[in-house]
């Protein structure tokens, strides 16, 4: 299990998280879960991984646009 720490956010941001959770149709259950998702998506270090076929299609598209 990952160690957790406390952070403080403004009430305004907290209320926005709660509103977003209510509108998410069950995708997120808690403000912490939503905030962790947002931070991971925004600051995540993962790079997109493409299959060789996807890479070739991207290159073809870039060639057709004159970038390669």
N, C-alpha and C. Protein backbone atom coordinates (compact mmCIF):
# COMPACT_ATOMS: atom_id res chain seq x y z
N UNK A 1 0.84 -1.18 0.00
CA UNK A 1 0.00 0.00 0.00
C UNK A 1 0.88 1.25 0.00
N UNK A 2 0.49 2.24 -0.76
CA UNK A 2 1.25 3.48 -0.88
C UNK A 2 1.04 4.34 0.35
N UNK A 3 2.13 4.89 0.86
CA UNK A 3 2.04 5.79 2.01
C UNK A 3 1.29 7.06 1.61
N UNK A 4 0.44 7.55 2.48
CA UNK A 4 -0.35 8.75 2.22
C UNK A 4 0.14 9.90 3.10
N UNK A 5 0.00 11.12 2.60
CA UNK A 5 0.32 12.33 3.36
C UNK A 5 -0.85 13.30 3.23
N UNK A 6 -0.94 14.23 4.15
CA UNK A 6 -2.01 15.22 4.10
C UNK A 6 -1.55 16.46 3.37
N UNK A 7 -2.47 17.06 2.61
CA UNK A 7 -2.23 18.35 2.01
C UNK A 7 -3.44 19.22 2.30
N UNK A 8 -3.25 20.53 2.24
CA UNK A 8 -4.36 21.44 2.44
C UNK A 8 -4.66 22.16 1.14
N UNK A 9 -5.96 22.27 0.84
CA UNK A 9 -6.41 23.01 -0.34
C UNK A 9 -7.50 23.97 0.09
N UNK A 10 -7.78 24.94 -0.73
CA UNK A 10 -8.82 25.91 -0.39
C UNK A 10 -10.19 25.23 -0.42
N UNK A 11 -11.11 25.76 0.32
CA UNK A 11 -12.49 25.26 0.35
C UNK A 11 -13.10 25.36 -1.04
N UNK A 12 -12.76 26.41 -1.76
CA UNK A 12 -13.27 26.61 -3.12
C UNK A 12 -12.87 25.45 -4.03
N UNK A 13 -11.61 25.04 -3.96
CA UNK A 13 -11.13 23.93 -4.78
C UNK A 13 -11.78 22.63 -4.32
N UNK A 14 -11.89 22.45 -3.02
CA UNK A 14 -12.54 21.25 -2.48
C UNK A 14 -13.98 21.15 -2.99
N UNK A 15 -14.70 22.25 -2.95
CA UNK A 15 -16.09 22.27 -3.43
C UNK A 15 -16.16 21.93 -4.92
N UNK A 16 -15.18 22.40 -5.68
CA UNK A 16 -15.13 22.08 -7.10
C UNK A 16 -14.89 20.58 -7.32
N UNK A 17 -14.04 19.99 -6.50
CA UNK A 17 -13.80 18.56 -6.57
C UNK A 17 -15.08 17.78 -6.27
N UNK A 18 -15.78 18.19 -5.22
CA UNK A 18 -17.03 17.52 -4.84
C UNK A 18 -18.06 17.63 -5.96
N UNK A 19 -18.18 18.79 -6.55
CA UNK A 19 -19.11 19.01 -7.67
C UNK A 19 -18.75 18.10 -8.84
N UNK A 20 -17.47 18.02 -9.15
CA UNK A 20 -17.01 17.19 -10.26
C UNK A 20 -17.29 15.72 -9.99
N UNK A 21 -17.12 15.29 -8.74
CA UNK A 21 -17.40 13.90 -8.37
C UNK A 21 -18.87 13.58 -8.60
N UNK A 22 -19.74 14.49 -8.19
CA UNK A 22 -21.18 14.28 -8.36
C UNK A 22 -21.55 14.16 -9.84
N UNK A 23 -20.84 14.90 -10.69
CA UNK A 23 -21.11 14.89 -12.12
C UNK A 23 -20.40 13.74 -12.85
N UNK A 24 -19.53 13.04 -12.15
CA UNK A 24 -18.72 11.99 -12.80
C UNK A 24 -19.46 10.66 -12.93
N UNK A 25 -20.67 10.60 -12.46
CA UNK A 25 -21.49 9.38 -12.57
C UNK A 25 -20.78 8.16 -12.00
N UNK A 26 -20.16 8.33 -10.83
CA UNK A 26 -19.54 7.21 -10.13
C UNK A 26 -18.12 6.91 -10.52
N UNK A 27 -17.56 7.65 -11.46
CA UNK A 27 -16.18 7.38 -11.87
C UNK A 27 -15.20 7.64 -10.72
N UNK A 28 -15.49 8.66 -9.92
CA UNK A 28 -14.67 8.99 -8.76
C UNK A 28 -15.54 8.95 -7.52
N UNK A 29 -14.98 8.48 -6.41
CA UNK A 29 -15.77 8.34 -5.18
C UNK A 29 -15.41 9.36 -4.11
N UNK A 30 -14.18 9.85 -4.12
CA UNK A 30 -13.75 10.79 -3.09
C UNK A 30 -12.95 11.94 -3.72
N UNK A 31 -12.90 13.08 -3.03
CA UNK A 31 -12.06 14.18 -3.52
C UNK A 31 -10.60 13.75 -3.65
N UNK A 32 -10.13 12.94 -2.72
CA UNK A 32 -8.74 12.48 -2.76
C UNK A 32 -8.47 11.66 -4.02
N UNK A 33 -9.41 10.78 -4.36
CA UNK A 33 -9.26 9.94 -5.55
C UNK A 33 -9.22 10.79 -6.82
N UNK A 34 -10.11 11.77 -6.91
CA UNK A 34 -10.14 12.66 -8.07
C UNK A 34 -8.87 13.50 -8.14
N UNK A 35 -8.45 14.06 -7.03
CA UNK A 35 -7.27 14.90 -7.01
C UNK A 35 -6.02 14.11 -7.39
N UNK A 36 -5.92 12.89 -6.89
CA UNK A 36 -4.77 12.05 -7.25
C UNK A 36 -4.77 11.76 -8.75
N UNK A 37 -5.95 11.50 -9.32
CA UNK A 37 -6.06 11.28 -10.76
C UNK A 37 -5.60 12.51 -11.54
N UNK A 38 -6.09 13.68 -11.13
CA UNK A 38 -5.73 14.93 -11.81
C UNK A 38 -4.22 15.16 -11.76
N UNK A 39 -3.64 14.96 -10.60
CA UNK A 39 -2.19 15.19 -10.44
C UNK A 39 -1.40 14.20 -11.28
N UNK A 40 -1.79 12.94 -11.24
CA UNK A 40 -1.07 11.94 -12.04
C UNK A 40 -1.18 12.23 -13.54
N UNK A 41 -2.35 12.63 -13.99
CA UNK A 41 -2.53 12.95 -15.41
C UNK A 41 -1.76 14.20 -15.82
N UNK A 42 -1.70 15.16 -14.93
CA UNK A 42 -1.04 16.43 -15.24
C UNK A 42 0.47 16.34 -15.11
N UNK A 43 0.94 15.70 -14.07
CA UNK A 43 2.37 15.68 -13.78
C UNK A 43 3.03 14.33 -14.03
N UNK A 44 2.25 13.37 -14.47
CA UNK A 44 2.77 12.02 -14.67
C UNK A 44 3.98 11.99 -15.57
N UNK A 45 4.84 11.03 -15.32
CA UNK A 45 6.08 10.91 -16.08
C UNK A 45 5.94 9.91 -17.22
N UNK A 46 4.81 9.26 -17.32
CA UNK A 46 4.64 8.25 -18.35
C UNK A 46 4.58 8.89 -19.73
N UNK A 47 5.32 8.32 -20.65
CA UNK A 47 5.28 8.78 -22.03
C UNK A 47 4.35 7.85 -22.80
N UNK A 48 3.78 8.37 -23.85
CA UNK A 48 2.92 7.55 -24.69
C UNK A 48 3.76 6.44 -25.32
N UNK A 49 3.24 5.25 -25.31
CA UNK A 49 3.92 4.11 -25.91
C UNK A 49 3.10 3.67 -27.11
N UNK A 50 3.74 3.67 -28.26
CA UNK A 50 3.07 3.31 -29.50
C UNK A 50 3.62 2.01 -30.04
N UNK A 51 2.77 1.25 -30.68
CA UNK A 51 3.23 0.04 -31.36
C UNK A 51 4.00 0.49 -32.60
N UNK A 52 4.82 -0.40 -33.17
CA UNK A 52 5.53 -0.02 -34.40
C UNK A 52 4.58 0.41 -35.52
N UNK A 53 3.42 -0.24 -35.60
CA UNK A 53 2.44 0.12 -36.62
C UNK A 53 1.89 1.54 -36.38
N UNK A 54 1.62 1.86 -35.11
CA UNK A 54 1.12 3.20 -34.77
C UNK A 54 2.18 4.25 -35.08
N UNK A 55 3.44 3.94 -34.76
CA UNK A 55 4.52 4.88 -35.05
C UNK A 55 4.63 5.14 -36.55
N UNK A 56 4.51 4.09 -37.33
CA UNK A 56 4.61 4.25 -38.79
C UNK A 56 3.45 5.10 -39.32
N UNK A 57 2.27 4.90 -38.78
CA UNK A 57 1.11 5.69 -39.20
C UNK A 57 1.31 7.17 -38.84
N UNK A 58 1.86 7.42 -37.65
CA UNK A 58 2.14 8.80 -37.23
C UNK A 58 3.16 9.43 -38.17
N UNK A 59 4.21 8.68 -38.50
CA UNK A 59 5.23 9.18 -39.43
C UNK A 59 4.64 9.48 -40.80
N UNK A 60 3.77 8.56 -41.27
CA UNK A 60 3.11 8.78 -42.57
C UNK A 60 2.28 10.06 -42.53
N UNK A 61 1.55 10.26 -41.45
CA UNK A 61 0.74 11.47 -41.31
C UNK A 61 1.62 12.72 -41.29
N UNK A 62 2.73 12.66 -40.58
CA UNK A 62 3.64 13.81 -40.52
C UNK A 62 4.27 14.08 -41.89
N UNK A 63 4.61 13.00 -42.62
CA UNK A 63 5.15 13.17 -43.97
C UNK A 63 4.12 13.85 -44.88
N UNK A 64 2.87 13.39 -44.79
CA UNK A 64 1.83 13.97 -45.66
C UNK A 64 1.58 15.43 -45.34
N UNK A 65 1.92 15.84 -44.12
CA UNK A 65 1.76 17.25 -43.74
C UNK A 65 3.02 18.07 -44.02
N UNK A 66 4.08 17.38 -44.48
CA UNK A 66 5.31 18.07 -44.81
C UNK A 66 6.26 18.28 -43.65
N UNK A 67 6.03 17.61 -42.54
CA UNK A 67 6.91 17.76 -41.38
C UNK A 67 8.12 16.84 -41.43
N UNK A 68 8.02 15.77 -42.20
CA UNK A 68 9.16 14.84 -42.33
C UNK A 68 9.54 14.70 -43.79
